[in-house]
């Protein structure tokens, strides 16, 4: 299978977010590896970073090694849409049916906590401007009447059982004066967030490297295998007391029994120049999830870069960050499932993403815009298109906790995992990584939803066919 070799793919597509590259892009790539560590973290994305920050800020004496197969933060974190918009009313009834009302509410609160948590982290790290971490108005836009009516019904049930949120939601018929296409049937609105994920994560890692001499990051150092408590890399072996799997879509490369529990899936993103007819008044302050058809299983997502200058690299040009283009059950969907090759962009999906925005905004889109030429970007509407690998959980929920010996094939209590966010990493990954750090430190984490915890029983029961 493709994903068995995917962690070694040397030439991934370049995401917009990583231009220009962070100073730590190739950190430790030529340094000598240590032979032992208290903790080895595999993966340098948002999960591994949340884990490392929590662990080190709690006990800075621990010897912590982070391994990254490619450049620093070059996986899904640097390839997503930058949107912090948790699925809430969309999932609540299903979560309640499967896990009970209390667990469903805890999962919802866990997702909701990410917005304030990430904003606070950015402030504490001095990265608010650099990371563009901010609150935005977010809109679920429906183009089909039946799907919109179904969404309103779900929202009603959700608010009945989450009364504290009633004042934070709005429902309007039609385009609601939002410069959307005339075909819009209705809009559901609330508060969400947006962030430059690459700059947030690389900024935090840079601070940790400066603050803690006990923390080391080694890029271009793939973990090839694990035997007992020894991590094997092409550059040497490291003996560790604890090994943390923070590789999401690539989990099964090192944990083969997780192959049908966390399945890779290729997704696509673009950075596009906005049409000239759109109002400048809301640049960078809105986020959208767009439902264009009669299926609630098809959606696209959109945020926009703010116009304020950044201290790293060039000033943003208010680019539209637009992704999606896949509907469950279609050929493009089945082509994407099981694919962990982020070195290519699928033509059908990129062609759709390149044309859909003008249709979504209709007559308001106006003419095409342009900015200065830059060798890093394409001309025309689409400045950059890239792919990334999601980690689809077989039961729809993240996997967080100690890896059972049945799954690792090794002694229990040494290996840990936080992965399987099913395309919703920005509202699951940070707090999952944080929770995992507390677990490794032997602390209670009563705010982590019980259904997220890794058990052998859950592992046996989870069936990817139920998701497909």
Protein backbone atom coordinates (compact mmCIF):
# COMPACT_ATOMS: atom_id res chain seq x y z
CA UNK A 1 0.00 0.00 0.00
CA UNK A 2 1.12 3.55 -0.71
CA UNK A 3 0.89 4.74 2.87
CA UNK A 4 3.34 2.10 4.09
CA UNK A 5 6.10 4.09 2.37
CA UNK A 6 4.64 7.57 2.62
CA UNK A 7 6.62 8.88 5.58
CA UNK A 8 9.74 8.74 3.41
CA UNK A 9 8.34 10.77 0.49
CA UNK A 10 11.09 13.36 -0.01
CA UNK A 11 9.42 15.92 -2.28
CA UNK A 12 6.04 17.03 -0.94
CA UNK A 13 4.10 19.86 -2.53
CA UNK A 14 4.94 23.22 -0.98
CA UNK A 15 2.07 24.80 0.98
CA UNK A 16 1.47 28.54 0.93
CA UNK A 17 1.84 28.66 4.71
CA UNK A 18 5.50 27.63 4.64
CA UNK A 19 6.60 30.45 2.32
CA UNK A 20 8.96 31.80 3.52
CA UNK A 21 10.33 28.87 5.49
CA UNK A 22 10.93 29.22 9.22
CA UNK A 23 14.52 29.56 10.45
CA UNK A 24 14.21 26.12 12.09
CA UNK A 25 13.16 24.48 8.81
CA UNK A 26 16.15 22.11 8.81
CA UNK A 27 16.98 22.24 12.51
CA UNK A 28 19.32 19.45 13.62
CA UNK A 29 19.43 17.83 10.19
CA UNK A 30 23.21 17.43 10.34
CA UNK A 31 23.70 17.24 14.11
CA UNK A 32 24.74 14.10 15.96
CA UNK A 33 21.80 12.29 17.55
CA UNK A 34 21.83 11.46 21.24
CA UNK A 35 21.81 7.79 22.18
CA UNK A 36 19.14 8.15 24.87
CA UNK A 37 16.33 10.45 25.99
CA UNK A 38 13.54 10.60 28.50
CA UNK A 39 11.00 11.20 25.74
CA UNK A 40 11.17 10.85 21.96
CA UNK A 41 8.39 12.65 20.07
CA UNK A 42 7.81 11.47 16.51
CA UNK A 43 6.32 14.36 14.53
CA UNK A 44 6.80 18.14 14.68
CA UNK A 45 3.27 19.36 13.92
CA UNK A 46 0.70 20.86 16.24
CA UNK A 47 0.23 17.67 18.29
CA UNK A 48 3.93 17.14 18.95
CA UNK A 49 4.40 20.83 19.66
CA UNK A 50 1.52 20.97 22.15
CA UNK A 51 2.94 17.89 23.85
CA UNK A 52 6.49 19.28 24.00
CA UNK A 53 5.38 22.70 25.25
CA UNK A 54 3.22 21.25 28.01
CA UNK A 55 5.82 18.69 29.06
CA UNK A 56 8.79 21.06 29.14
CA UNK A 57 6.96 23.99 30.71
CA UNK A 58 5.93 21.56 33.47
CA UNK A 59 9.31 19.83 33.90
CA UNK A 60 12.14 21.45 31.98
CA UNK A 61 14.70 18.94 33.26
CA UNK A 62 13.43 16.16 31.00
CA UNK A 63 15.60 15.21 28.03
CA UNK A 64 13.21 15.49 25.08
CA UNK A 65 14.01 14.66 21.46
CA UNK A 66 11.65 15.49 18.59
CA UNK A 67 12.14 13.66 15.31
CA UNK A 68 10.79 14.88 11.97
CA UNK A 69 11.13 12.91 8.73
CA UNK A 70 11.23 16.03 6.56
CA UNK A 71 11.35 19.78 7.27
CA UNK A 72 10.06 21.09 10.58
CA UNK A 73 6.26 21.25 10.61
CA UNK A 74 5.95 19.93 7.07
CA UNK A 75 2.97 17.61 7.56
CA UNK A 76 -0.75 18.24 7.92
CA UNK A 77 -0.37 21.23 10.27
CA UNK A 78 1.35 23.24 7.53
CA UNK A 79 -1.15 22.06 4.93
CA UNK A 80 -4.57 22.69 6.44
CA UNK A 81 -6.98 25.58 6.01
CA UNK A 82 -6.09 27.48 9.16
CA UNK A 83 -9.72 27.44 10.28
CA UNK A 84 -10.70 26.89 13.93
CA UNK A 85 -14.34 26.03 13.28
CA UNK A 86 -15.45 22.97 15.26
CA UNK A 87 -18.33 20.80 14.06
CA UNK A 88 -20.90 21.33 16.82
CA UNK A 89 -24.60 21.08 15.97
CA UNK A 90 -23.57 19.03 12.95
CA UNK A 91 -22.36 16.12 15.10
CA UNK A 92 -24.16 16.51 18.41
CA UNK A 93 -27.07 14.11 17.87
CA UNK A 94 -24.80 11.38 16.49
CA UNK A 95 -22.38 11.81 19.39
CA UNK A 96 -25.23 11.66 21.87
CA UNK A 97 -26.62 8.50 20.28
CA UNK A 98 -23.25 6.73 20.29
CA UNK A 99 -21.75 7.92 23.56
CA UNK A 100 -24.53 9.40 25.68
CA UNK A 101 -25.48 13.00 26.46
CA UNK A 102 -22.73 13.71 28.98
CA UNK A 103 -19.93 12.40 26.77
CA UNK A 104 -21.37 14.26 23.77
CA UNK A 105 -21.38 17.53 25.72
CA UNK A 106 -17.82 16.91 26.89
CA UNK A 107 -16.67 16.33 23.31
CA UNK A 108 -18.38 19.54 22.21
CA UNK A 109 -16.75 21.52 25.02
CA UNK A 110 -13.37 19.99 24.19
CA UNK A 111 -13.71 21.20 20.60
CA UNK A 112 -14.91 24.63 21.67
CA UNK A 113 -12.00 25.06 24.07
CA UNK A 114 -9.49 25.18 21.23
CA UNK A 115 -10.29 28.71 20.09
CA UNK A 116 -9.57 30.42 23.41
CA UNK A 117 -6.71 28.02 24.13
CA UNK A 118 -4.92 28.75 20.86
CA UNK A 119 -5.46 32.50 21.21
CA UNK A 120 -4.06 32.37 24.75
CA UNK A 121 -1.08 30.29 23.64
CA UNK A 122 -0.31 32.74 20.83
CA UNK A 123 -0.45 35.63 23.32
CA UNK A 124 1.76 33.84 25.86
CA UNK A 125 4.31 33.04 23.17
CA UNK A 126 4.29 36.57 21.75
CA UNK A 127 3.00 35.22 18.45
CA UNK A 128 -0.41 36.88 18.15
CA UNK A 129 0.57 39.03 15.17
CA UNK A 130 2.89 36.50 13.59
CA UNK A 131 0.42 33.62 13.82
CA UNK A 132 -2.62 35.77 12.93
CA UNK A 133 -4.52 33.79 15.59
CA UNK A 134 -7.87 35.54 15.89
CA UNK A 135 -11.60 35.22 16.31
CA UNK A 136 -13.71 35.50 13.17
CA UNK A 137 -17.36 35.35 12.24
CA UNK A 138 -17.99 31.93 10.74
CA UNK A 139 -20.81 31.00 8.40
CA UNK A 140 -22.25 27.67 7.28
CA UNK A 141 -23.64 28.48 3.83
CA UNK A 142 -26.26 26.15 2.31
CA UNK A 143 -27.23 26.04 -1.36
CA UNK A 144 -29.87 23.32 -0.97
CA UNK A 145 -33.16 23.98 0.83
CA UNK A 146 -33.56 20.49 2.28
CA UNK A 147 -30.01 20.40 3.61
CA UNK A 148 -30.52 23.84 5.14
CA UNK A 149 -33.76 22.79 6.82
CA UNK A 150 -32.04 19.70 8.19
CA UNK A 151 -29.20 21.83 9.53
CA UNK A 152 -31.64 24.18 11.27
CA UNK A 153 -33.33 21.21 12.90
CA UNK A 154 -29.98 19.91 14.15
CA UNK A 155 -29.10 23.37 15.46
CA UNK A 156 -32.40 23.52 17.34
CA UNK A 157 -31.72 20.21 19.09
CA UNK A 158 -28.18 21.29 19.87
CA UNK A 159 -29.20 24.59 21.45
CA UNK A 160 -31.92 22.93 23.51
CA UNK A 161 -29.21 20.97 25.28
CA UNK A 162 -26.57 23.71 25.16
CA UNK A 163 -28.66 26.67 26.40
CA UNK A 164 -25.61 28.75 27.27
CA UNK A 165 -24.83 29.01 23.55
CA UNK A 166 -28.21 30.27 22.37
CA UNK A 167 -27.08 33.87 22.11
CA UNK A 168 -24.10 32.99 19.95
CA UNK A 169 -25.91 31.67 16.89
CA UNK A 170 -27.86 33.21 14.05
CA UNK A 171 -29.94 31.83 11.18
CA UNK A 172 -30.89 33.78 8.07
CA UNK A 173 -32.68 32.92 4.84
CA UNK A 174 -31.01 33.56 1.49
CA UNK A 175 -27.60 35.19 0.97
CA UNK A 176 -28.19 37.52 3.94
CA UNK A 177 -26.51 40.52 2.28
CA UNK A 178 -23.13 38.80 2.43
CA UNK A 179 -22.08 39.14 -1.22
CA UNK A 180 -22.79 35.45 -1.78
CA UNK A 181 -24.33 33.98 -4.93
CA UNK A 182 -28.08 34.27 -5.39
CA UNK A 183 -28.46 30.49 -5.11
CA UNK A 184 -27.80 30.51 -1.37
CA UNK A 185 -30.82 29.15 0.54
CA UNK A 186 -29.68 30.05 4.02
CA UNK A 187 -26.83 30.76 6.41
CA UNK A 188 -26.10 29.65 9.98
CA UNK A 189 -23.60 31.87 11.77
CA UNK A 190 -21.55 31.87 14.96
CA UNK A 191 -18.07 32.72 16.23
CA UNK A 192 -15.01 30.80 15.07
CA UNK A 193 -11.32 31.34 14.60
CA UNK A 194 -8.48 31.37 12.11
CA UNK A 195 -4.72 31.04 12.39
CA UNK A 196 -1.51 30.76 10.39
CA UNK A 197 -0.78 27.24 11.67
CA UNK A 198 2.79 26.99 10.38
CA UNK A 199 3.96 30.20 12.00
CA UNK A 200 2.26 29.35 15.29
CA UNK A 201 3.92 25.94 15.55
CA UNK A 202 7.37 26.90 14.28
CA UNK A 203 7.30 29.97 16.52
CA UNK A 204 6.60 27.83 19.58
CA UNK A 205 9.26 25.28 18.65
CA UNK A 206 11.79 28.08 18.21
CA UNK A 207 11.06 29.34 21.71
CA UNK A 208 11.34 25.86 23.22
CA UNK A 209 14.71 25.33 21.54
CA UNK A 210 16.00 28.61 22.97
CA UNK A 211 14.53 28.08 26.44
CA UNK A 212 15.37 24.44 27.13
CA UNK A 213 18.82 23.01 26.48
CA UNK A 214 17.24 19.62 27.20
CA UNK A 215 15.04 19.88 24.08
CA UNK A 216 16.38 18.97 20.66
CA UNK A 217 14.68 18.88 17.25
CA UNK A 218 16.14 16.72 14.50
CA UNK A 219 14.62 17.26 11.05
CA UNK A 220 15.21 14.93 8.09
CA UNK A 221 15.45 12.13 10.61
CA UNK A 222 12.67 9.62 9.91
CA UNK A 223 11.85 6.97 12.46
CA UNK A 224 12.11 3.70 10.55
CA UNK A 225 11.06 1.27 13.27
CA UNK A 226 10.75 0.72 17.00
CA UNK A 227 12.00 -2.30 18.91
CA UNK A 228 11.32 -2.45 22.64
CA UNK A 229 12.21 1.07 23.73
CA UNK A 230 14.67 1.82 20.93
CA UNK A 231 13.80 4.20 18.09
CA UNK A 232 15.71 3.36 14.90
CA UNK A 233 16.58 6.11 12.40
CA UNK A 234 18.98 6.20 9.42
CA UNK A 235 21.22 8.44 11.54
CA UNK A 236 21.39 6.28 14.63
CA UNK A 237 19.30 4.73 17.39
CA UNK A 238 17.81 6.41 20.46
CA UNK A 239 16.83 4.58 23.62
CA UNK A 240 13.79 6.27 25.22
CA UNK A 241 11.77 5.90 28.39
CA UNK A 242 8.70 7.16 26.53
CA UNK A 243 7.90 7.25 22.81
CA UNK A 244 5.16 9.57 21.54
CA UNK A 245 3.41 8.97 18.21
CA UNK A 246 2.29 12.36 16.85
CA UNK A 247 2.15 11.46 13.16
CA UNK A 248 -1.63 11.39 12.57
CA UNK A 249 -2.17 10.08 9.01
CA UNK A 250 1.14 8.20 9.09
CA UNK A 251 0.42 6.43 12.39
CA UNK A 252 0.29 2.92 10.93
CA UNK A 253 3.78 3.22 9.47
CA UNK A 254 5.12 2.52 12.97
CA UNK A 255 2.00 0.98 14.52
CA UNK A 256 0.87 -1.54 11.91
CA UNK A 257 -2.16 -2.76 13.94
CA UNK A 258 -3.58 0.79 13.62
CA UNK A 259 -3.70 0.45 9.81
CA UNK A 260 -7.50 0.18 9.68
CA UNK A 261 -8.07 2.37 12.75
CA UNK A 262 -6.39 5.57 11.54
CA UNK A 263 -6.45 5.70 7.75
CA UNK A 264 -4.60 8.32 5.69
CA UNK A 265 -6.57 10.42 3.26
CA UNK A 266 -5.23 13.02 0.85
CA UNK A 267 -6.83 16.45 0.98
CA UNK A 268 -6.25 19.58 -1.09
CA UNK A 269 -5.83 23.28 -0.33
CA UNK A 270 -5.27 26.45 -2.32
CA UNK A 271 -4.31 30.06 -1.73
CA UNK A 272 -6.17 32.33 -4.13
CA UNK A 273 -6.34 36.00 -5.01
CA UNK A 274 -9.73 37.44 -4.10
CA UNK A 275 -12.05 38.88 -6.74
CA UNK A 276 -11.97 42.66 -7.10
CA UNK A 277 -15.72 43.06 -6.53
CA UNK A 278 -15.71 41.89 -2.91
CA UNK A 279 -16.05 44.37 -0.07
CA UNK A 280 -12.80 45.19 1.71
CA UNK A 281 -14.66 45.73 4.97
CA UNK A 282 -14.60 42.09 6.06
CA UNK A 283 -11.16 41.04 4.86
CA UNK A 284 -9.67 38.52 7.25
CA UNK A 285 -12.67 38.61 9.60
CA UNK A 286 -14.83 35.82 8.15
CA UNK A 287 -14.69 32.07 7.71
CA UNK A 288 -17.02 29.85 5.69
CA UNK A 289 -18.06 26.23 5.40
CA UNK A 290 -19.91 25.94 2.09
CA UNK A 291 -22.44 23.20 1.29
CA UNK A 292 -23.03 23.42 -2.49
CA UNK A 293 -25.24 20.40 -3.13
CA UNK A 294 -28.06 18.18 -1.90
CA UNK A 295 -25.57 16.19 0.18
CA UNK A 296 -24.50 17.25 3.66
CA UNK A 297 -21.42 15.08 3.10
CA UNK A 298 -20.02 17.52 0.58
CA UNK A 299 -18.52 20.78 1.78
CA UNK A 300 -15.72 23.22 1.10
CA UNK A 301 -14.04 25.55 3.58
CA UNK A 302 -12.71 29.06 3.28
CA UNK A 303 -10.82 31.57 5.40
CA UNK A 304 -9.04 34.73 4.38
CA UNK A 305 -5.69 36.18 5.29
CA UNK A 306 -5.91 39.45 7.24
CA UNK A 307 -4.49 42.59 5.63
CA UNK A 308 -2.15 43.43 8.53
CA UNK A 309 1.60 43.06 7.97
CA UNK A 310 3.48 40.13 9.49
CA UNK A 311 6.95 40.34 10.98
CA UNK A 312 8.15 37.23 9.18
CA UNK A 313 8.26 37.42 5.41
CA UNK A 314 6.05 39.50 3.17
CA UNK A 315 2.83 41.26 3.97
CA UNK A 316 -0.23 39.03 3.35
CA UNK A 317 -2.32 39.97 0.34
CA UNK A 318 -5.66 38.93 1.91
CA UNK A 319 -5.52 35.61 0.08
CA UNK A 320 -8.49 33.27 0.21
CA UNK A 321 -7.42 29.99 1.81
CA UNK A 322 -9.78 27.55 0.13
CA UNK A 323 -9.94 23.77 0.41
CA UNK A 324 -12.21 20.78 -0.03
CA UNK A 325 -13.44 19.51 -3.37
CA UNK A 326 -14.27 15.97 -2.26
CA UNK A 327 -17.67 14.42 -1.59
CA UNK A 328 -18.04 11.21 0.38
CA UNK A 329 -19.03 8.24 -1.79
CA UNK A 330 -17.67 9.66 -5.05
CA UNK A 331 -14.70 8.42 -7.07
CA UNK A 332 -12.53 11.33 -5.94
CA UNK A 333 -13.31 10.37 -2.34
CA UNK A 334 -12.29 6.74 -2.79
CA UNK A 335 -9.17 7.84 -4.68
CA UNK A 336 -8.21 9.97 -1.68
CA UNK A 337 -8.84 7.38 1.06
CA UNK A 338 -5.70 5.39 1.82
CA UNK A 339 -3.51 7.83 -0.09
CA UNK A 340 -0.71 9.45 1.89
CA UNK A 341 1.14 10.92 -1.07
CA UNK A 342 1.37 14.68 -0.56
CA UNK A 343 3.89 15.07 -3.38
CA UNK A 344 1.11 15.45 -5.96
CA UNK A 345 -2.06 17.46 -6.53
CA UNK A 346 -4.98 15.64 -8.12
CA UNK A 347 -6.06 17.47 -11.28
CA UNK A 348 -9.82 17.02 -10.82
CA UNK A 349 -9.80 18.43 -7.32
CA UNK A 350 -7.45 21.32 -8.02
CA UNK A 351 -9.46 22.27 -11.13
CA UNK A 352 -12.63 22.37 -9.05
CA UNK A 353 -11.03 24.46 -6.31
CA UNK A 354 -9.63 26.83 -8.90
CA UNK A 355 -13.07 27.62 -10.27
CA UNK A 356 -15.51 27.28 -7.39
CA UNK A 357 -14.97 30.57 -5.57
CA UNK A 358 -16.33 32.73 -8.37
CA UNK A 359 -19.45 30.53 -8.39
CA UNK A 360 -19.86 30.78 -4.62
CA UNK A 361 -19.74 34.59 -4.70
CA UNK A 362 -21.58 35.00 -8.02
CA UNK A 363 -21.95 38.51 -9.38
CA UNK A 364 -20.08 39.92 -6.40
CA UNK A 365 -16.80 38.28 -7.33
CA UNK A 366 -15.91 40.88 -9.94
CA UNK A 367 -12.74 40.84 -12.01
CA UNK A 368 -9.59 38.92 -11.22
CA UNK A 369 -7.02 40.58 -9.00
CA UNK A 370 -3.25 40.52 -9.15
CA UNK A 371 -0.34 41.33 -6.90
CA UNK A 372 3.37 41.63 -7.52
CA UNK A 373 5.13 38.80 -9.30
CA UNK A 374 6.86 36.31 -7.04
CA UNK A 375 8.72 33.24 -8.19
CA UNK A 376 7.25 31.28 -5.29
CA UNK A 377 3.68 31.68 -6.56
CA UNK A 378 1.69 31.07 -9.72
CA UNK A 379 0.05 33.86 -11.69
CA UNK A 380 -3.71 34.05 -12.08
CA UNK A 381 -6.36 33.35 -9.47
CA UNK A 382 -4.65 30.41 -7.78
CA UNK A 383 -1.37 31.47 -6.19
CA UNK A 384 -0.59 28.05 -4.75
CA UNK A 385 -2.17 24.60 -4.69
CA UNK A 386 -0.96 21.74 -2.52
CA UNK A 387 -2.01 18.49 -0.90
CA UNK A 388 -1.77 17.11 2.61
CA UNK A 389 -2.54 13.94 4.53
CA UNK A 390 -5.43 13.67 6.98
CA UNK A 391 -5.74 10.91 9.57
CA UNK A 392 -9.25 9.45 9.42
CA UNK A 393 -10.33 7.69 12.61
CA UNK A 394 -12.33 4.50 12.13
CA UNK A 395 -14.84 5.57 14.79
CA UNK A 396 -14.67 9.29 14.05
CA UNK A 397 -12.88 10.30 17.26
CA UNK A 398 -9.22 11.00 18.10
CA UNK A 399 -7.06 8.35 19.76
CA UNK A 400 -5.31 9.74 22.84
CA UNK A 401 -3.41 7.85 25.51
CA UNK A 402 -1.10 4.94 26.23
CA UNK A 403 -0.75 2.44 23.39
CA UNK A 404 -1.87 -1.05 24.49
CA UNK A 405 0.72 -3.80 24.04
CA UNK A 406 -1.72 -5.57 21.69
CA UNK A 407 -1.43 -2.58 19.36
CA UNK A 408 2.27 -1.81 19.68
CA UNK A 409 3.51 -5.37 20.04
CA UNK A 410 5.76 -4.07 22.78
CA UNK A 411 5.62 -3.44 26.52
CA UNK A 412 2.72 -1.24 27.63
CA UNK A 413 3.36 2.12 29.27
CA UNK A 414 6.23 3.21 27.04
CA UNK A 415 4.41 4.30 23.90
CA UNK A 416 1.79 7.02 23.64
CA UNK A 417 -0.38 8.41 20.87
CA UNK A 418 -2.48 11.43 19.97
CA UNK A 419 -3.79 11.13 16.41
CA UNK A 420 -6.80 10.47 14.19
CA UNK A 421 -8.47 13.88 13.92
CA UNK A 422 -10.48 13.09 10.77
CA UNK A 423 -9.79 16.43 9.12
CA UNK A 424 -10.60 18.48 12.23
CA UNK A 425 -7.11 18.81 13.68
CA UNK A 426 -7.37 22.46 14.64
CA UNK A 427 -10.18 21.67 17.09
CA UNK A 428 -8.70 18.43 18.44
CA UNK A 429 -4.93 18.30 18.13
CA UNK A 430 -3.68 20.95 20.55
CA UNK A 431 -5.67 19.82 23.56
CA UNK A 432 -5.02 16.17 22.69
CA UNK A 433 -1.27 16.78 22.71
CA UNK A 434 -1.58 18.74 25.94
CA UNK A 435 -3.61 15.97 27.59
CA UNK A 436 -1.09 13.37 26.48
CA UNK A 437 1.76 15.30 28.10
CA UNK A 438 -0.07 15.32 31.42
CA UNK A 439 -0.69 11.58 31.07
CA UNK A 440 3.01 10.90 30.55
CA UNK A 441 3.71 12.99 33.65
CA UNK A 442 1.24 10.85 35.59
CA UNK A 443 -1.34 13.60 36.06
CA UNK A 444 -5.12 13.25 35.88
CA UNK A 445 -6.82 14.66 32.78
CA UNK A 446 -10.52 14.64 33.61
CA UNK A 447 -11.33 17.09 30.81
CA UNK A 448 -10.29 14.65 28.06
CA UNK A 449 -13.46 12.97 26.75
CA UNK A 450 -13.53 9.32 27.76
CA UNK A 451 -14.37 8.11 24.20
CA UNK A 452 -11.02 9.55 23.01
CA UNK A 453 -8.97 7.27 25.26
CA UNK A 454 -7.13 4.36 23.70
CA UNK A 455 -8.22 0.94 24.92
CA UNK A 456 -7.91 -2.52 23.48
CA UNK A 457 -11.70 -2.82 23.51
CA UNK A 458 -12.09 0.33 21.44
CA UNK A 459 -9.34 -0.79 19.09
CA UNK A 460 -11.10 -4.10 18.45
CA UNK A 461 -14.48 -2.45 17.90
CA UNK A 462 -13.49 0.44 15.62
CA UNK A 463 -14.38 -0.34 12.00
CA UNK A 464 -13.43 1.98 9.16
CA UNK A 465 -16.30 0.57 7.06
CA UNK A 466 -18.75 2.42 9.31
CA UNK A 467 -17.12 5.71 8.33
CA UNK A 468 -16.96 4.92 4.61
